């Protein structure tokens, strides 16, 4: 578990399925990040069991009620297509629409990035977004990620389509210059 001023980042449990469904059914949330809206609570339970179960995957919760409003993860050990190195990882995230524009995602991501560099020994954290996802682009800019490259043909398997993807990077050295 990690804490910030306003948030708790904790492991997902099946008891979070109702909350996950509430925000993941929104067609404005999942499709822009590459997954379809959830159809029911049972689907959300399955996602908790099979997707939101990574070693460094956390439910984003406001301290006042500990209810999951989004998800954030450092994808480790070559389980990402952005790196094959064990000392590098990918940051992935999403947040329920009612909580957009409140600074929650940069707050949560800052805590997880610090954890990645200081506690997990990462040297590089990668992060990307699909073309048109201005909110995710802005979060990465606020955090200090640096543009690395654009790929014009990124397969999005859950939609059986190809998108333009932008990849950003933050090294530990760069992070230390920004935050230490």
Foldseek 3Di string as FASTA:
>chain_A
DDDFPWKDWAQDDLVLLVVCLVQQQDQVWPVQAQAHRDDDSVVSSVCSVPPQHDPFKTFIATPVPRHGFKIKGWAACCPDPPDNDRLETEIDMTGGPVCPPVCSVLRVVLRSVCCSVPVVPHFKYKYKGFPPPVSRVVSCVVQPWAWDDKDAFCQRPNVRGTTIMTMTMDGPVNNVVVPD
